PDB file of N, CA and C in Angstrom:
ATOM      1  N   UNK A   1     -16.242  -1.781   0.446  1.00  0.00           N
ATOM      2  CA  UNK A   1     -15.103  -1.084   1.025  1.00  0.00           C
ATOM      3  C   UNK A   1     -13.867  -1.889   1.136  1.00  0.00           C
ATOM      4  N   UNK A   2     -12.785  -1.224   1.396  1.00  0.00           N
ATOM      5  CA  UNK A   2     -11.535  -1.957   1.494  1.00  0.00           C
ATOM      6  C   UNK A   2     -11.370  -2.532   2.927  1.00  0.00           C
ATOM      7  N   UNK A   3     -11.007  -3.842   2.984  1.00  0.00           N
ATOM      8  CA  UNK A   3     -10.857  -4.456   4.264  1.00  0.00           C
ATOM      9  C   UNK A   3      -9.381  -4.810   4.460  1.00  0.00           C
ATOM     10  N   UNK A   4      -8.743  -4.525   5.551  1.00  0.00           N
ATOM     11  CA  UNK A   4      -7.478  -5.058   5.925  1.00  0.00           C
ATOM     12  C   UNK A   4      -6.364  -4.152   5.347  1.00  0.00           C
ATOM     13  N   UNK A   5      -5.136  -4.619   5.718  1.00  0.00           N
ATOM     14  CA  UNK A   5      -3.874  -3.884   5.354  1.00  0.00           C
ATOM     15  C   UNK A   5      -3.636  -4.166   3.756  1.00  0.00           C
ATOM     16  N   UNK A   6      -3.811  -5.377   3.329  1.00  0.00           N
ATOM     17  CA  UNK A   6      -3.547  -5.662   1.929  1.00  0.00           C
ATOM     18  C   UNK A   6      -4.418  -4.862   1.001  1.00  0.00           C
ATOM     19  N   UNK A   7      -5.711  -4.709   1.424  1.00  0.00           N
ATOM     20  CA  UNK A   7      -6.735  -4.002   0.660  1.00  0.00           C
ATOM     21  C   UNK A   7      -6.306  -2.520   0.631  1.00  0.00           C
ATOM     22  N   UNK A   8      -5.842  -1.955   1.742  1.00  0.00           N
ATOM     23  CA  UNK A   8      -5.433  -0.516   1.737  1.00  0.00           C
ATOM     24  C   UNK A   8      -4.169  -0.370   0.860  1.00  0.00           C
ATOM     25  N   UNK A   9      -3.256  -1.350   0.897  1.00  0.00           N
ATOM     26  CA  UNK A   9      -2.079  -1.244   0.122  1.00  0.00           C
ATOM     27  C   UNK A   9      -2.380  -1.239  -1.330  1.00  0.00           C
ATOM     28  N   UNK A  10      -3.361  -2.079  -1.778  1.00  0.00           N
ATOM     29  CA  UNK A  10      -3.708  -2.117  -3.255  1.00  0.00           C
ATOM     30  C   UNK A  10      -4.311  -0.794  -3.537  1.00  0.00           C
ATOM     31  N   UNK A  11      -5.192  -0.173  -2.704  1.00  0.00           N
ATOM     32  CA  UNK A  11      -5.847   1.094  -2.914  1.00  0.00           C
ATOM     33  C   UNK A  11      -4.864   2.233  -3.061  1.00  0.00           C
ATOM     34  N   UNK A  12      -3.829   2.225  -2.177  1.00  0.00           N
ATOM     35  CA  UNK A  12      -2.822   3.243  -2.301  1.00  0.00           C
ATOM     36  C   UNK A  12      -1.869   3.103  -3.551  1.00  0.00           C
ATOM     37  N   UNK A  13      -1.665   1.845  -3.985  1.00  0.00           N
ATOM     38  CA  UNK A  13      -0.859   1.537  -5.177  1.00  0.00           C
ATOM     39  C   UNK A  13      -1.671   1.988  -6.352  1.00  0.00           C
ATOM     40  N   UNK A  14      -2.978   1.790  -6.388  1.00  0.00           N
ATOM     41  CA  UNK A  14      -3.795   2.217  -7.551  1.00  0.00           C
ATOM     42  C   UNK A  14      -3.812   3.676  -7.587  1.00  0.00           C
ATOM     43  N   UNK A  15      -3.926   4.370  -6.423  1.00  0.00           N
ATOM     44  CA  UNK A  15      -3.882   5.778  -6.318  1.00  0.00           C
ATOM     45  C   UNK A  15      -2.597   6.415  -6.858  1.00  0.00           C
ATOM     46  N   UNK A  16      -1.492   5.714  -6.543  1.00  0.00           N
ATOM     47  CA  UNK A  16      -0.155   6.058  -7.016  1.00  0.00           C
ATOM     48  C   UNK A  16       0.021   6.054  -8.445  1.00  0.00           C
ATOM     49  N   UNK A  17      -0.542   5.030  -9.130  1.00  0.00           N
ATOM     50  CA  UNK A  17      -0.531   4.875 -10.562  1.00  0.00           C
ATOM     51  C   UNK A  17      -1.305   6.007 -11.322  1.00  0.00           C
ATOM     52  N   UNK A  18      -2.574   6.237 -10.657  1.00  0.00           N
ATOM     53  CA  UNK A  18      -3.387   7.307 -11.195  1.00  0.00           C
ATOM     54  C   UNK A  18      -2.715   8.682 -11.172  1.00  0.00           C
ATOM     55  N   UNK A  19      -2.222   8.987  -9.936  1.00  0.00           N
ATOM     56  CA  UNK A  19      -1.491  10.235  -9.883  1.00  0.00           C
ATOM     57  C   UNK A  19      -0.286  10.381 -10.660  1.00  0.00           C
ATOM     58  N   UNK A  20       0.392   9.310 -10.926  1.00  0.00           N
ATOM     59  CA  UNK A  20       1.579   9.332 -11.778  1.00  0.00           C
ATOM     60  C   UNK A  20       1.193   9.558 -13.228  1.00  0.00           C
ATOM     61  N   UNK A  21       0.068   9.021 -13.663  1.00  0.00           N
ATOM     62  CA  UNK A  21      -0.328   9.273 -14.947  1.00  0.00           C
ATOM     63  C   UNK A  21      -0.941  10.714 -15.088  1.00  0.00           C
ATOM     64  N   UNK A  22      -1.520  11.258 -14.083  1.00  0.00           N
ATOM     65  CA  UNK A  22      -1.898  12.689 -14.248  1.00  0.00           C
ATOM     66  C   UNK A  22      -0.731  13.566 -14.219  1.00  0.00           C
ATOM     67  N   UNK A  23       0.334  13.209 -13.533  1.00  0.00           N
ATOM     68  CA  UNK A  23       1.490  14.049 -13.528  1.00  0.00           C
ATOM     69  C   UNK A  23       1.904  14.594 -12.072  1.00  0.00           C
ATOM     70  N   UNK A  24       1.105  14.177 -11.101  1.00  0.00           N
ATOM     71  CA  UNK A  24       1.381  14.697  -9.723  1.00  0.00           C
ATOM     72  C   UNK A  24       2.281  13.726  -9.111  1.00  0.00           C
ATOM     73  N   UNK A  25       3.609  13.872  -9.329  1.00  0.00           N
ATOM     74  CA  UNK A  25       4.611  12.991  -8.973  1.00  0.00           C
ATOM     75  C   UNK A  25       4.825  12.849  -7.414  1.00  0.00           C
ATOM     76  N   UNK A  26       4.618  14.023  -6.868  1.00  0.00           N
ATOM     77  CA  UNK A  26       4.838  14.085  -5.413  1.00  0.00           C
ATOM     78  C   UNK A  26       3.749  13.282  -4.642  1.00  0.00           C
ATOM     79  N   UNK A  27       2.560  13.460  -5.026  1.00  0.00           N
ATOM     80  CA  UNK A  27       1.459  12.639  -4.374  1.00  0.00           C
ATOM     81  C   UNK A  27       1.588  11.210  -4.734  1.00  0.00           C
ATOM     82  N   UNK A  28       2.067  10.889  -5.942  1.00  0.00           N
ATOM     83  CA  UNK A  28       2.252   9.416  -6.324  1.00  0.00           C
ATOM     84  C   UNK A  28       3.302   8.870  -5.494  1.00  0.00           C
ATOM     85  N   UNK A  29       4.364   9.592  -5.269  1.00  0.00           N
ATOM     86  CA  UNK A  29       5.429   9.041  -4.485  1.00  0.00           C
ATOM     87  C   UNK A  29       5.004   8.719  -3.085  1.00  0.00           C
ATOM     88  N   UNK A  30       4.215   9.673  -2.458  1.00  0.00           N
ATOM     89  CA  UNK A  30       3.823   9.400  -1.050  1.00  0.00           C
ATOM     90  C   UNK A  30       2.857   8.280  -1.078  1.00  0.00           C
ATOM     91  N   UNK A  31       1.941   8.136  -1.960  1.00  0.00           N
ATOM     92  CA  UNK A  31       1.013   7.004  -2.149  1.00  0.00           C
ATOM     93  C   UNK A  31       1.797   5.627  -2.256  1.00  0.00           C
ATOM     94  N   UNK A  32       2.729   5.699  -3.111  1.00  0.00           N
ATOM     95  CA  UNK A  32       3.548   4.442  -3.276  1.00  0.00           C
ATOM     96  C   UNK A  32       4.310   4.137  -1.936  1.00  0.00           C
ATOM     97  N   UNK A  33       4.809   5.125  -1.281  1.00  0.00           N
ATOM     98  CA  UNK A  33       5.438   4.827   0.004  1.00  0.00           C
ATOM     99  C   UNK A  33       4.585   4.291   1.011  1.00  0.00           C
ATOM    100  N   UNK A  34       3.298   4.844   1.090  1.00  0.00           N
ATOM    101  CA  UNK A  34       2.420   4.233   2.132  1.00  0.00           C
ATOM    102  C   UNK A  34       1.936   2.872   1.711  1.00  0.00           C
ATOM    103  N   UNK A  35       1.798   2.560   0.421  1.00  0.00           N
ATOM    104  CA  UNK A  35       1.510   1.272  -0.032  1.00  0.00           C
ATOM    105  C   UNK A  35       2.560   0.238   0.347  1.00  0.00           C
ATOM    106  N   UNK A  36       3.834   0.724   0.168  1.00  0.00           N
ATOM    107  CA  UNK A  36       4.943  -0.171   0.358  1.00  0.00           C
ATOM    108  C   UNK A  36       5.065  -0.554   1.920  1.00  0.00           C
ATOM    109  N   UNK A  37       4.853   0.392   2.783  1.00  0.00           N
ATOM    110  CA  UNK A  37       4.860   0.137   4.259  1.00  0.00           C
ATOM    111  C   UNK A  37       3.695  -0.700   4.684  1.00  0.00           C
ATOM    112  N   UNK A  38       2.547  -0.624   4.123  1.00  0.00           N
ATOM    113  CA  UNK A  38       1.368  -1.360   4.396  1.00  0.00           C
ATOM    114  C   UNK A  38       1.538  -2.755   4.047  1.00  0.00           C
ATOM    115  N   UNK A  39       2.306  -3.109   2.875  1.00  0.00           N
ATOM    116  CA  UNK A  39       2.491  -4.372   2.428  1.00  0.00           C
ATOM    117  C   UNK A  39       3.624  -5.074   3.397  1.00  0.00           C
ATOM    118  N   UNK A  40       4.594  -4.178   3.866  1.00  0.00           N
ATOM    119  CA  UNK A  40       5.653  -4.769   4.780  1.00  0.00           C
ATOM    120  C   UNK A  40       4.967  -5.124   6.012  1.00  0.00           C
ATOM    121  N   UNK A  41       4.181  -4.255   6.557  1.00  0.00           N
ATOM    122  CA  UNK A  41       3.412  -4.474   7.839  1.00  0.00           C
ATOM    123  C   UNK A  41       2.648  -5.758   7.752  1.00  0.00           C
ATOM    124  N   UNK A  42       1.850  -5.903   6.525  1.00  0.00           N
ATOM    125  CA  UNK A  42       1.004  -7.105   6.410  1.00  0.00           C
ATOM    126  C   UNK A  42       1.852  -8.363   6.366  1.00  0.00           C
ATOM    127  N   UNK A  43       3.010  -8.305   5.626  1.00  0.00           N
ATOM    128  CA  UNK A  43       3.898  -9.594   5.605  1.00  0.00           C
ATOM    129  C   UNK A  43       4.492  -9.991   6.927  1.00  0.00           C
ATOM    130  N   UNK A  44       4.869  -8.916   7.729  1.00  0.00           N
ATOM    131  CA  UNK A  44       5.368  -9.182   9.067  1.00  0.00           C
ATOM    132  C   UNK A  44       4.339  -9.818   9.984  1.00  0.00           C
ATOM    133  N   UNK A  45       3.194  -9.219  10.006  1.00  0.00           N
ATOM    134  CA  UNK A  45       2.068  -9.692  10.718  1.00  0.00           C
ATOM    135  C   UNK A  45       1.660 -11.043  10.319  1.00  0.00           C
ATOM    136  N   UNK A  46       1.604 -11.308   9.066  1.00  0.00           N
ATOM    137  CA  UNK A  46       1.233 -12.687   8.545  1.00  0.00           C
ATOM    138  C   UNK A  46       2.243 -13.680   9.050  1.00  0.00           C
ATOM    139  N   UNK A  47       3.619 -13.376   8.990  1.00  0.00           N
ATOM    140  CA  UNK A  47       4.650 -14.348   9.421  1.00  0.00           C
ATOM    141  C   UNK A  47       4.487 -14.587  10.928  1.00  0.00           C
ATOM    142  N   UNK A  48       4.284 -13.497  11.747  1.00  0.00           N
ATOM    143  CA  UNK A  48       4.162 -13.676  13.140  1.00  0.00           C
ATOM    144  C   UNK A  48       2.884 -14.480  13.492  1.00  0.00           C
ATOM    145  N   UNK A  49       1.770 -14.340  12.761  1.00  0.00           N
ATOM    146  CA  UNK A  49       0.545 -15.154  13.020  1.00  0.00           C
ATOM    147  C   UNK A  49       0.753 -16.547  12.587  1.00  0.00           C
ATOM    148  N   UNK A  50       1.641 -16.861  11.672  1.00  0.00           N
ATOM    149  CA  UNK A  50       1.891 -18.208  11.241  1.00  0.00           C
ATOM    150  C   UNK A  50       2.778 -18.912  12.150  1.00  0.00           C
ATOM    151  N   UNK A  51       3.699 -18.232  12.857  1.00  0.00           N
ATOM    152  CA  UNK A  51       4.628 -18.751  13.770  1.00  0.00           C
ATOM    153  C   UNK A  51       4.000 -19.006  15.178  1.00  0.00           C
ATOM    154  N   UNK A  52       3.012 -18.214  15.554  1.00  0.00           N
ATOM    155  CA  UNK A  52       2.379 -18.345  16.831  1.00  0.00           C
ATOM    156  C   UNK A  52       1.145 -19.260  16.828  1.00  0.00           C
TER     157      UNK A  52
END
């Protein structure tokens, strides 16, 4: 199974690529947006944990 934010981001990124190849651009865009936000949250939390 997928563990953590980074794993979920990779999962949504792969789903976005698959849906883009199939031709479902709306679902691909939503999946890419979710993946982008998960990566941003991961980076922010990683920086906070390194500083504290």
